[in-house]
Amino acid sequence: MENPFKIKAYGVGEFASLYFPDFEKRSASNQFRKWIIKSESLKSKLSNADWTDGQKLLTPKQVGILVEFL
């Protein structure tokens, strides 16, 4: 049985690397931020969860929003 994804605090680069495993961590982070900025609805949901562009750590609440959205 496969382990379910764990909602916890993640570094932005660590989390982004889950979506872009073939990218360097910095490139994955940059691409991930572009996704967030382009999507007004995602950006709004994350902002309501105290997300700010440039933060280095995602809270469990923010991770939950990202997992649900993506």
N, C-alpha and C. Protein backbone atom coordinates (compact mmCIF):
# COMPACT_ATOMS: atom_id res chain seq x y z
N MET A 1 0.84 -1.19 0.00
CA MET A 1 0.00 0.00 0.00
C MET A 1 0.88 1.25 0.00
N GLU A 2 0.55 2.19 -0.83
CA GLU A 2 1.32 3.41 -0.95
C GLU A 2 0.98 4.38 0.18
N ASN A 3 1.99 5.07 0.71
CA ASN A 3 1.75 6.05 1.76
C ASN A 3 1.06 7.28 1.20
N PRO A 4 0.02 7.77 1.88
CA PRO A 4 -0.63 8.99 1.42
C PRO A 4 0.30 10.19 1.63
N PHE A 5 0.06 11.23 0.84
CA PHE A 5 0.85 12.45 0.96
C PHE A 5 0.63 13.06 2.33
N LYS A 6 1.68 13.46 2.98
CA LYS A 6 1.59 14.03 4.32
C LYS A 6 1.52 15.55 4.26
N ILE A 7 0.45 16.09 4.82
CA ILE A 7 0.31 17.54 4.92
C ILE A 7 1.11 17.98 6.14
N LYS A 8 2.13 18.75 5.91
CA LYS A 8 3.01 19.28 6.95
C LYS A 8 3.69 20.51 6.40
N ALA A 9 4.51 21.17 7.19
CA ALA A 9 5.28 22.31 6.70
C ALA A 9 6.36 21.80 5.75
N TYR A 10 6.53 22.50 4.64
CA TYR A 10 7.56 22.17 3.65
C TYR A 10 8.31 23.44 3.28
N GLY A 11 9.59 23.31 3.00
CA GLY A 11 10.30 24.39 2.37
C GLY A 11 9.75 24.54 0.96
N VAL A 12 9.72 25.75 0.44
CA VAL A 12 9.17 25.98 -0.90
C VAL A 12 9.90 25.13 -1.94
N GLY A 13 11.23 25.10 -1.87
CA GLY A 13 12.00 24.31 -2.82
C GLY A 13 11.73 22.83 -2.70
N GLU A 14 11.59 22.35 -1.49
CA GLU A 14 11.29 20.94 -1.25
C GLU A 14 9.93 20.57 -1.85
N PHE A 15 8.93 21.41 -1.60
CA PHE A 15 7.59 21.15 -2.11
C PHE A 15 7.55 21.27 -3.63
N ALA A 16 8.17 22.30 -4.16
CA ALA A 16 8.19 22.51 -5.61
C ALA A 16 8.88 21.34 -6.31
N SER A 17 9.89 20.77 -5.68
CA SER A 17 10.60 19.64 -6.28
C SER A 17 9.72 18.41 -6.42
N LEU A 18 8.66 18.32 -5.63
CA LEU A 18 7.71 17.22 -5.77
C LEU A 18 6.94 17.33 -7.08
N TYR A 19 6.70 18.55 -7.54
CA TYR A 19 6.00 18.78 -8.80
C TYR A 19 6.95 18.83 -9.99
N PHE A 20 8.18 19.20 -9.75
CA PHE A 20 9.20 19.31 -10.80
C PHE A 20 10.44 18.51 -10.39
N PRO A 21 10.35 17.20 -10.35
CA PRO A 21 11.47 16.39 -9.84
C PRO A 21 12.74 16.45 -10.70
N ASP A 22 12.63 16.82 -11.96
CA ASP A 22 13.81 16.87 -12.83
C ASP A 22 14.47 18.25 -12.85
N PHE A 23 13.91 19.20 -12.11
CA PHE A 23 14.46 20.56 -12.06
C PHE A 23 15.39 20.68 -10.85
N GLU A 24 16.36 21.59 -10.96
CA GLU A 24 17.12 21.98 -9.78
C GLU A 24 16.14 22.64 -8.81
N LYS A 25 16.44 22.57 -7.51
CA LYS A 25 15.51 23.08 -6.51
C LYS A 25 15.14 24.55 -6.74
N ARG A 26 16.10 25.37 -7.11
CA ARG A 26 15.83 26.80 -7.33
C ARG A 26 14.92 26.99 -8.55
N SER A 27 15.18 26.26 -9.62
CA SER A 27 14.34 26.35 -10.82
C SER A 27 12.92 25.86 -10.53
N ALA A 28 12.81 24.80 -9.75
CA ALA A 28 11.50 24.28 -9.37
C ALA A 28 10.74 25.34 -8.57
N SER A 29 11.42 25.99 -7.65
CA SER A 29 10.79 27.04 -6.84
C SER A 29 10.32 28.19 -7.70
N ASN A 30 11.16 28.61 -8.64
CA ASN A 30 10.78 29.72 -9.52
C ASN A 30 9.57 29.37 -10.37
N GLN A 31 9.54 28.18 -10.93
CA GLN A 31 8.40 27.76 -11.74
C GLN A 31 7.14 27.66 -10.89
N PHE A 32 7.28 27.14 -9.70
CA PHE A 32 6.14 26.99 -8.81
C PHE A 32 5.55 28.36 -8.45
N ARG A 33 6.42 29.33 -8.16
CA ARG A 33 5.94 30.69 -7.86
C ARG A 33 5.21 31.29 -9.06
N LYS A 34 5.70 31.02 -10.26
CA LYS A 34 5.03 31.52 -11.47
C LYS A 34 3.61 30.96 -11.55
N TRP A 35 3.45 29.67 -11.24
CA TRP A 35 2.12 29.06 -11.23
C TRP A 35 1.20 29.80 -10.27
N ILE A 36 1.71 30.07 -9.07
CA ILE A 36 0.90 30.73 -8.05
C ILE A 36 0.51 32.14 -8.50
N ILE A 37 1.47 32.90 -8.99
CA ILE A 37 1.21 34.29 -9.39
C ILE A 37 0.23 34.36 -10.56
N LYS A 38 0.31 33.40 -11.48
CA LYS A 38 -0.58 33.40 -12.65
C LYS A 38 -2.03 33.08 -12.29
N SER A 39 -2.24 32.33 -11.24
CA SER A 39 -3.59 31.92 -10.87
C SER A 39 -4.13 32.83 -9.76
N GLU A 40 -5.01 33.74 -10.14
CA GLU A 40 -5.57 34.67 -9.17
C GLU A 40 -6.32 33.95 -8.05
N SER A 41 -7.05 32.89 -8.40
CA SER A 41 -7.82 32.18 -7.36
C SER A 41 -6.89 31.47 -6.38
N LEU A 42 -5.84 30.83 -6.88
CA LEU A 42 -4.88 30.18 -6.00
C LEU A 42 -4.14 31.22 -5.15
N LYS A 43 -3.71 32.27 -5.78
CA LYS A 43 -3.00 33.33 -5.06
C LYS A 43 -3.87 33.91 -3.96
N SER A 44 -5.15 34.11 -4.25
CA SER A 44 -6.08 34.64 -3.26
C SER A 44 -6.25 33.68 -2.08
N LYS A 45 -6.44 32.40 -2.37
CA LYS A 45 -6.59 31.41 -1.29
C LYS A 45 -5.34 31.36 -0.42
N LEU A 46 -4.17 31.38 -1.06
CA LEU A 46 -2.93 31.33 -0.30
C LEU A 46 -2.73 32.62 0.51
N SER A 47 -3.08 33.76 -0.07
CA SER A 47 -2.96 35.02 0.65
C SER A 47 -3.84 35.03 1.89
N ASN A 48 -5.03 34.43 1.78
CA ASN A 48 -5.92 34.33 2.93
C ASN A 48 -5.34 33.42 4.01
N ALA A 49 -4.38 32.58 3.63
CA ALA A 49 -3.68 31.70 4.58
C ALA A 49 -2.32 32.29 4.94
N ASP A 50 -2.18 33.61 4.78
CA ASP A 50 -0.97 34.37 5.15
C ASP A 50 0.26 34.08 4.30
N TRP A 51 0.06 33.60 3.07
CA TRP A 51 1.17 33.40 2.15
C TRP A 51 1.63 34.74 1.60
N THR A 52 2.94 34.92 1.46
CA THR A 52 3.50 36.09 0.80
C THR A 52 4.55 35.60 -0.19
N ASP A 53 4.61 36.26 -1.34
CA ASP A 53 5.61 35.88 -2.33
C ASP A 53 6.99 36.09 -1.73
N GLY A 54 7.81 35.08 -1.84
CA GLY A 54 9.17 35.17 -1.31
C GLY A 54 9.37 34.42 0.00
N GLN A 55 8.28 33.94 0.61
CA GLN A 55 8.48 33.19 1.84
C GLN A 55 9.17 31.87 1.53
N LYS A 56 9.92 31.36 2.47
CA LYS A 56 10.74 30.18 2.23
C LYS A 56 10.12 28.90 2.80
N LEU A 57 9.13 29.04 3.65
CA LEU A 57 8.49 27.89 4.29
C LEU A 57 6.99 27.97 4.09
N LEU A 58 6.40 26.87 3.65
CA LEU A 58 4.95 26.78 3.50
C LEU A 58 4.37 26.15 4.75
N THR A 59 3.31 26.74 5.28
CA THR A 59 2.65 26.17 6.45
C THR A 59 1.81 24.96 6.03
N PRO A 60 1.45 24.11 6.97
CA PRO A 60 0.58 22.99 6.62
C PRO A 60 -0.73 23.44 5.96
N LYS A 61 -1.28 24.55 6.42
CA LYS A 61 -2.52 25.07 5.81
C LYS A 61 -2.28 25.44 4.35
N GLN A 62 -1.18 26.11 4.06
CA GLN A 62 -0.85 26.50 2.69
C GLN A 62 -0.60 25.27 1.83
N VAL A 63 0.08 24.27 2.38
CA VAL A 63 0.34 23.03 1.64
C VAL A 63 -0.99 22.35 1.30
N GLY A 64 -1.91 22.33 2.26
CA GLY A 64 -3.22 21.74 2.02
C GLY A 64 -3.95 22.43 0.87
N ILE A 65 -3.87 23.76 0.82
CA ILE A 65 -4.49 24.53 -0.26
C ILE A 65 -3.86 24.17 -1.59
N LEU A 66 -2.53 24.10 -1.61
CA LEU A 66 -1.83 23.77 -2.86
C LEU A 66 -2.16 22.37 -3.34
N VAL A 67 -2.19 21.41 -2.44
CA VAL A 67 -2.49 20.02 -2.81
C VAL A 67 -3.91 19.93 -3.35
N GLU A 68 -4.84 20.60 -2.69
CA GLU A 68 -6.24 20.58 -3.14
C GLU A 68 -6.37 21.26 -4.50
N PHE A 69 -5.71 22.38 -4.68
CA PHE A 69 -5.82 23.15 -5.92
C PHE A 69 -5.14 22.46 -7.08
N LEU A 70 -3.96 21.91 -6.85
CA LEU A 70 -3.19 21.31 -7.94
C LEU A 70 -3.51 19.83 -8.09
